[in-house]
Amino acid sequence: MTHSPILLVGGSGVVGSWAARFLHDAHPEVPLLLGGRDLAKAQAVAAQIPSAEGVALDLAADDLGLGQRPVSAVVVLFTDPRLATLRFAQARGIPHLSISAGIFEMGPEVATYMHQPQAAPVVLGTEWLVGATTIPTLEFAQAFGRVHDITIGALLDEQDVTGPAGFVDFERQTKTMPAALVRRDGAFVWQVVDEAKTTFRAVDDTEQQADIFSVYDVLGLAAATGAPNVQFKLAFGISSTRRQGQPMSTEILIELAGKDHAGQPLRTRHAVVHPQGQMPLTALGVVLLLERLLGLDGQPAVPAGLYFPYQLLEPRTYLARFQQIGGQLLTLAVAPE
């Protein structure tokens, strides 16, 4: 089968290079375009991946500078404030996945989708590490008859590498956003300044200073589970593995409380860990979404619609691939109340 190339906008960055390698390993027959403003950088990264080609993009042009070159899907790995990539995808009727827009920036993307809802599938991909939080959380929630509280704590190690575009995204979302969204007693509320300061316990039980952070996980998990209390906490510091003298890792703490299927109180605490940091998990989510959107997994391609990642990714498939790339799911002790 002949495939048109997948366009990775920002493909020469850290996440893009991980995603391109994963895509090539899984589907070497699918060509990749690694697009960016710096052609030399894009070509240098593409030279390391047999199925990839570096291209220069112009996000001010309707055709992104690609002319009539065919493309099968568009992945945006940094924030595109002009939504040029989304309009390009809609005009060609191809899937669009973006992973950087903050929860407070979703309005323009949703409005653009609403005006052409039948054009193409559009994925609002800014779940934390593109499914690494939501999918395990929803799996752990299966043990509950009713989930009352969902508390997520994400710890990024200070040594965890991100590219310039990723750093800009974090700066924008953590410093320029005036408040953080949580669900409390069934209502969505914004927490500001000192209200957003919090803590959580890392995998090794060290208390981490953190801030309430707004990601699509809050909206998605609240809608999917009906939990009246949902919050996401983000901390930067030293990961549990590095405190133990090992290399850094990324870790996500997932705490659930509610009642089991027999109506008895239940609390659980788990962790998602990857020894190479955040980038492999982010890239994995991107790759699995592309497989699903384009039908590369052998199933029918996804129809036009607006989606969160967890709505498209099958848990067993995700968790199997997660373990294949070195991810770990840990069951942790629950502290007494």
Protein backbone atom coordinates (compact mmCIF):
# COMPACT_ATOMS: atom_id res chain seq x y z
CA MET A 1 0.00 0.00 0.00
CA THR A 2 1.25 3.48 -0.89
CA HIS A 3 1.03 6.01 1.93
CA SER A 4 1.14 9.77 1.74
CA PRO A 5 3.58 11.20 4.30
CA ILE A 6 2.64 12.22 7.82
CA LEU A 7 3.63 15.81 8.56
CA LEU A 8 5.17 16.44 11.98
CA VAL A 9 5.16 20.20 12.52
CA GLY A 10 8.07 20.78 14.86
CA GLY A 11 9.35 17.34 13.95
CA SER A 12 12.99 18.31 14.39
CA GLY A 13 12.47 18.97 18.11
CA VAL A 14 12.92 16.53 20.98
CA VAL A 15 9.38 15.10 20.95
CA GLY A 16 9.35 15.10 17.15
CA SER A 17 12.53 13.06 16.88
CA TRP A 18 11.23 10.51 19.41
CA ALA A 19 7.91 10.26 17.58
CA ALA A 20 9.59 9.92 14.20
CA ARG A 21 11.81 7.09 15.45
CA PHE A 22 8.86 5.26 17.01
CA LEU A 23 6.82 5.70 13.83
CA HIS A 24 9.62 4.44 11.62
CA ASP A 25 10.22 1.43 13.84
CA ALA A 26 6.52 0.48 13.81
CA HIS A 27 5.68 1.49 10.22
CA PRO A 28 8.84 1.83 8.08
CA GLU A 29 6.68 1.96 4.95
CA VAL A 30 5.05 5.26 5.99
CA PRO A 31 7.01 8.35 4.88
CA LEU A 32 7.45 11.21 7.33
CA LEU A 33 7.92 14.92 6.79
CA LEU A 34 9.74 16.63 9.66
CA GLY A 35 8.76 20.25 9.26
CA GLY A 36 10.11 23.38 10.86
CA ARG A 37 11.34 26.91 10.24
CA ASP A 38 14.99 25.78 10.24
CA LEU A 39 15.42 23.58 7.17
CA ALA A 40 18.98 22.56 8.02
CA LYS A 41 17.94 21.35 11.49
CA ALA A 42 14.96 19.44 10.09
CA GLN A 43 17.15 17.78 7.47
CA ALA A 44 19.78 16.86 10.06
CA VAL A 45 17.21 15.06 12.25
CA ALA A 46 15.55 13.43 9.24
CA ALA A 47 18.89 12.08 8.02
CA GLN A 48 18.93 9.74 11.03
CA ILE A 49 15.56 8.19 10.14
CA PRO A 50 15.30 6.31 6.81
CA SER A 51 11.62 7.10 6.23
CA ALA A 52 11.90 10.81 7.07
CA GLU A 53 12.56 13.97 5.08
CA GLY A 54 13.18 17.42 6.49
CA VAL A 55 11.11 20.25 5.01
CA ALA A 56 10.81 23.99 5.62
CA LEU A 57 7.35 25.22 6.61
CA ASP A 58 5.70 28.60 6.28
CA LEU A 59 2.85 28.83 8.77
CA ALA A 60 1.72 32.11 7.20
CA ALA A 61 0.86 30.32 3.94
CA ASP A 62 -2.39 28.43 3.33
CA ASP A 63 -0.42 25.46 2.00
CA LEU A 64 2.21 25.74 4.79
CA GLY A 65 4.78 26.10 2.02
CA LEU A 66 4.18 22.54 0.78
CA GLY A 67 2.32 23.41 -2.40
CA GLN A 68 0.22 20.50 -3.62
CA ARG A 69 2.38 17.88 -1.95
CA PRO A 70 0.10 15.16 -0.52
CA VAL A 71 -0.03 14.69 3.26
CA SER A 72 -2.04 12.04 5.17
CA ALA A 73 -2.12 13.65 8.66
CA VAL A 74 -0.80 16.68 10.52
CA VAL A 75 0.75 16.55 14.00
CA VAL A 76 1.56 19.85 15.72
CA LEU A 77 4.20 19.56 18.42
CA PHE A 78 4.23 23.21 19.50
CA THR A 79 1.52 25.84 19.83
CA ASP A 80 0.23 27.19 16.52
CA PRO A 81 -1.57 30.41 17.54
CA ARG A 82 -2.74 31.12 13.99
CA LEU A 83 -4.30 27.64 13.62
CA ALA A 84 -2.79 27.48 10.14
CA THR A 85 -2.13 23.77 10.50
CA LEU A 86 -5.74 23.04 11.49
CA ARG A 87 -7.13 24.96 8.54
CA PHE A 88 -4.67 23.14 6.27
CA ALA A 89 -5.85 19.76 7.60
CA GLN A 90 -9.52 20.67 7.24
CA ALA A 91 -9.01 21.89 3.68
CA ARG A 92 -7.47 18.53 2.79
CA GLY A 93 -9.81 16.41 4.92
CA ILE A 94 -6.99 14.81 6.90
CA PRO A 95 -6.56 14.20 10.66
CA HIS A 96 -5.14 16.95 12.86
CA LEU A 97 -3.51 16.35 16.24
CA SER A 98 -2.08 19.13 18.42
CA ILE A 99 -0.43 18.49 21.79
CA SER A 100 0.59 21.91 23.11
CA ALA A 101 -2.42 24.23 23.39
CA GLY A 102 -3.37 24.97 27.00
CA ILE A 103 -6.86 24.41 28.37
CA PHE A 104 -7.40 28.18 28.34
CA GLU A 105 -6.51 28.21 24.62
CA MET A 106 -8.95 25.57 23.41
CA GLY A 107 -11.62 28.04 22.30
CA PRO A 108 -10.09 28.96 18.91
CA GLU A 109 -9.37 25.32 18.06
CA VAL A 110 -12.89 24.20 18.99
CA ALA A 111 -14.48 27.13 17.13
CA THR A 112 -12.49 26.30 13.99
CA TYR A 113 -13.58 22.67 14.23
CA MET A 114 -17.25 23.65 14.75
CA HIS A 115 -17.36 25.53 11.46
CA GLN A 116 -16.26 22.43 9.52
CA PRO A 117 -17.21 19.48 11.76
CA GLN A 118 -17.39 17.02 8.87
CA ALA A 119 -14.02 17.97 7.37
CA ALA A 120 -11.65 15.78 9.39
CA PRO A 121 -10.95 14.26 12.79
CA VAL A 122 -9.45 16.81 15.18
CA VAL A 123 -7.72 15.66 18.38
CA LEU A 124 -7.28 18.01 21.32
CA GLY A 125 -4.13 16.29 22.42
CA THR A 126 -2.90 18.29 25.41
CA GLU A 127 -3.53 15.56 27.94
CA TRP A 128 -0.49 15.16 30.17
CA LEU A 129 2.04 13.23 28.07
CA VAL A 130 -0.72 12.48 25.53
CA GLY A 131 -2.63 9.72 27.33
CA ALA A 132 -0.05 8.59 29.90
CA THR A 133 -2.27 9.93 32.68
CA THR A 134 -5.84 9.51 31.44
CA ILE A 135 -5.64 5.95 30.15
CA PRO A 136 -4.07 4.40 33.30
CA THR A 137 -6.42 6.47 35.48
CA LEU A 138 -9.49 5.20 33.64
CA GLU A 139 -8.18 1.65 33.92
CA PHE A 140 -7.65 1.97 37.68
CA ALA A 141 -11.14 3.49 37.96
CA GLN A 142 -12.63 0.19 36.78
CA ALA A 143 -12.23 -1.11 40.35
CA PHE A 144 -14.70 1.54 41.54
CA GLY A 145 -18.45 1.56 41.42
CA ARG A 146 -18.31 5.32 42.04
CA VAL A 147 -15.26 7.55 41.88
CA HIS A 148 -15.48 10.58 44.14
CA ASP A 149 -11.96 12.04 44.03
CA ILE A 150 -9.23 12.00 41.38
CA THR A 151 -5.92 13.62 42.27
CA ILE A 152 -3.06 13.55 39.78
CA GLY A 153 0.49 14.58 40.69
CA ALA A 154 3.05 14.92 37.88
CA LEU A 155 6.71 15.30 38.76
CA LEU A 156 9.09 16.55 36.08
CA ASP A 157 12.74 16.14 36.93
CA GLU A 158 14.91 19.24 36.55
CA GLN A 159 17.17 17.21 34.26
CA ASP A 160 14.33 16.08 31.99
CA VAL A 161 15.15 17.47 28.56
CA THR A 162 12.68 19.48 26.54
CA GLY A 163 13.23 21.57 23.46
CA PRO A 164 12.92 25.36 23.13
CA ALA A 165 9.31 25.14 21.91
CA GLY A 166 8.36 22.90 24.82
CA PHE A 167 10.00 25.28 27.27
CA VAL A 168 8.02 28.18 25.81
CA ASP A 169 4.80 26.17 26.21
CA PHE A 170 5.56 25.46 29.87
CA GLU A 171 6.44 29.09 30.50
CA ARG A 172 3.20 30.25 28.94
CA GLN A 173 1.01 27.74 30.71
CA THR A 174 2.59 28.01 34.16
CA LYS A 175 3.41 31.73 34.35
CA THR A 176 1.00 33.62 32.11
CA MET A 177 -2.18 31.72 32.92
CA PRO A 178 -3.98 33.62 35.70
CA ALA A 179 -5.68 30.62 37.30
CA ALA A 180 -5.90 26.83 37.26
CA LEU A 181 -9.02 24.79 36.61
CA VAL A 182 -10.20 22.10 39.04
CA ARG A 183 -13.48 20.35 39.68
CA ARG A 184 -14.72 20.74 43.23
CA ASP A 185 -17.99 19.32 44.54
CA GLY A 186 -19.21 18.88 40.99
CA ALA A 187 -18.46 22.44 39.84
CA PHE A 188 -15.58 23.61 37.67
CA VAL A 189 -13.76 26.44 39.45
CA TRP A 190 -10.59 28.46 38.84
CA GLN A 191 -7.99 28.61 41.59
CA VAL A 192 -5.74 31.66 41.72
CA VAL A 193 -2.41 32.63 43.31
CA ASP A 194 -2.06 31.00 46.74
CA GLU A 195 -5.08 28.76 46.16
CA ALA A 196 -3.10 27.02 43.42
CA LYS A 197 -0.17 26.19 45.73
CA THR A 198 -0.23 22.59 46.92
CA THR A 199 1.87 19.46 47.57
CA PHE A 200 1.82 15.76 46.78
CA ARG A 201 3.90 12.72 47.73
CA ALA A 202 6.27 11.37 45.09
CA VAL A 203 6.86 7.66 44.46
CA ASP A 204 9.43 7.56 47.28
CA ASP A 205 6.99 9.40 49.60
CA THR A 206 8.96 12.66 49.49
CA GLU A 207 6.62 15.64 49.73
CA GLN A 208 6.80 17.80 46.61
CA GLN A 209 5.89 21.45 46.39
CA ALA A 210 3.52 21.80 43.45
CA ASP A 211 1.05 24.04 41.68
CA ILE A 212 -2.43 23.23 40.47
CA PHE A 213 -2.14 22.94 36.69
CA SER A 214 -4.77 23.09 33.94
CA VAL A 215 -4.66 20.28 31.39
CA TYR A 216 -7.38 18.55 29.41
CA ASP A 217 -7.08 15.59 31.81
CA VAL A 218 -9.23 17.52 34.31
CA LEU A 219 -12.07 17.95 31.83
CA GLY A 220 -11.80 14.48 30.35
CA LEU A 221 -11.53 12.52 33.59
CA ALA A 222 -14.41 14.47 35.13
CA ALA A 223 -16.61 13.77 32.11
CA ALA A 224 -15.59 10.12 31.75
CA THR A 225 -15.95 9.14 35.42
CA GLY A 226 -18.45 11.65 36.79
CA ALA A 227 -16.08 12.29 39.71
CA PRO A 228 -17.13 15.52 41.47
CA ASN A 229 -13.57 16.29 42.57
CA VAL A 230 -10.71 16.30 40.06
CA GLN A 231 -7.40 18.15 40.22
CA PHE A 232 -4.00 17.99 38.57
CA LYS A 233 -0.81 19.02 40.38
CA LEU A 234 2.51 19.75 38.68
CA ALA A 235 5.92 19.82 40.37
CA PHE A 236 9.43 20.45 39.06
CA GLY A 237 12.31 19.01 41.07
CA ILE A 238 14.27 15.85 41.71
CA SER A 239 12.56 12.61 40.72
CA SER A 240 12.41 9.67 43.12
CA THR A 241 14.93 7.64 41.13
CA ARG A 242 17.49 10.46 41.15
CA ARG A 243 17.11 10.87 44.91
CA GLN A 244 18.11 7.21 45.12
CA GLY A 245 21.29 7.79 43.12
CA GLN A 246 19.90 6.56 39.80
CA PRO A 247 19.24 8.45 36.55
CA MET A 248 16.27 10.80 36.43
CA SER A 249 12.77 9.63 35.47
CA THR A 250 9.32 11.10 35.00
CA GLU A 251 6.56 10.07 37.36
CA ILE A 252 2.80 10.54 37.55
CA LEU A 253 0.97 9.83 40.81
CA ILE A 254 -2.67 8.76 40.48
CA GLU A 255 -4.84 8.75 43.62
CA LEU A 256 -8.48 7.68 43.47
CA ALA A 257 -11.10 7.58 46.20
CA GLY A 258 -14.71 6.49 46.18
CA LYS A 259 -16.68 3.29 46.64
CA ASP A 260 -16.12 -0.16 45.18
CA HIS A 261 -18.78 -2.14 43.33
CA ALA A 262 -20.14 -3.44 46.63
CA GLY A 263 -20.58 0.10 47.96
CA GLN A 264 -17.61 -0.07 50.34
CA PRO A 265 -15.06 2.77 50.67
CA LEU A 266 -12.06 2.32 48.40
CA ARG A 267 -8.86 4.32 47.93
CA THR A 268 -6.03 3.47 45.55
CA ARG A 269 -2.67 4.99 44.72
CA HIS A 270 -0.63 4.16 41.64
CA ALA A 271 2.27 5.64 39.71
CA VAL A 272 3.23 5.83 36.05
CA VAL A 273 7.02 5.95 35.64
CA HIS A 274 9.39 6.07 32.69
CA PRO A 275 13.17 5.96 33.24
CA GLN A 276 13.92 8.17 30.22
CA GLY A 277 11.61 11.00 31.18
CA GLN A 278 8.61 12.63 29.61
CA MET A 279 9.55 12.54 25.93
CA PRO A 280 9.15 8.80 25.17
CA LEU A 281 5.65 8.79 26.70
CA THR A 282 4.63 11.90 24.78
CA ALA A 283 5.94 10.40 21.55
CA LEU A 284 4.19 7.09 22.23
CA GLY A 285 0.84 8.83 22.57
CA VAL A 286 1.41 10.69 19.29
CA VAL A 287 2.34 7.50 17.45
CA LEU A 288 -0.61 5.47 18.76
CA LEU A 289 -3.02 8.27 17.88
CA LEU A 290 -1.65 8.44 14.33
CA GLU A 291 -2.01 4.68 13.99
CA ARG A 292 -5.63 4.92 15.11
CA LEU A 293 -6.50 8.02 13.08
CA LEU A 294 -5.11 6.59 9.84
CA GLY A 295 -6.09 2.96 10.41
CA LEU A 296 -2.45 1.82 10.49
CA ASP A 297 -3.46 -0.53 13.31
CA GLY A 298 -5.66 -2.54 10.93
CA GLN A 299 -8.92 -0.97 12.12
CA PRO A 300 -11.07 1.49 10.13
CA ALA A 301 -9.71 5.04 10.10
CA VAL A 302 -11.32 7.46 12.54
CA PRO A 303 -14.24 9.50 11.12
CA ALA A 304 -14.50 13.27 11.35
CA GLY A 305 -15.12 14.46 14.89
CA LEU A 306 -13.59 16.19 17.91
CA TYR A 307 -11.70 13.90 20.28
CA PHE A 308 -9.54 13.69 23.37
CA PRO A 309 -6.71 11.11 23.10
CA TYR A 310 -8.20 8.69 25.65
CA GLN A 311 -11.35 8.42 23.50
CA LEU A 312 -9.32 6.95 20.64
CA LEU A 313 -6.66 4.87 22.38
CA GLU A 314 -7.59 1.32 23.38
CA PRO A 315 -6.23 0.70 26.91
CA ARG A 316 -4.79 -2.78 26.36
CA THR A 317 -2.94 -1.65 23.25
CA TYR A 318 -1.67 1.49 24.93
CA LEU A 319 -0.47 -0.27 28.08
CA ALA A 320 1.24 -3.06 26.11
CA ARG A 321 3.20 -0.55 24.03
CA PHE A 322 3.85 1.52 27.16
CA GLN A 323 5.57 -1.46 28.76
CA GLN A 324 7.46 -2.28 25.55
CA ILE A 325 9.19 1.11 25.65
CA GLY A 326 10.16 0.72 29.30
CA GLY A 327 7.20 2.28 31.11
CA GLN A 328 6.21 0.99 34.54
CA LEU A 329 2.90 0.95 36.42
CA LEU A 330 3.39 0.82 40.20
CA THR A 331 0.87 0.06 42.94
CA LEU A 332 1.68 2.18 45.98
CA ALA A 333 0.54 2.07 49.57
CA VAL A 334 -2.28 4.39 50.52
CA ALA A 335 -1.51 6.61 53.48
CA PRO A 336 -3.97 6.27 56.40
CA GLU A 337 -6.51 9.09 56.63
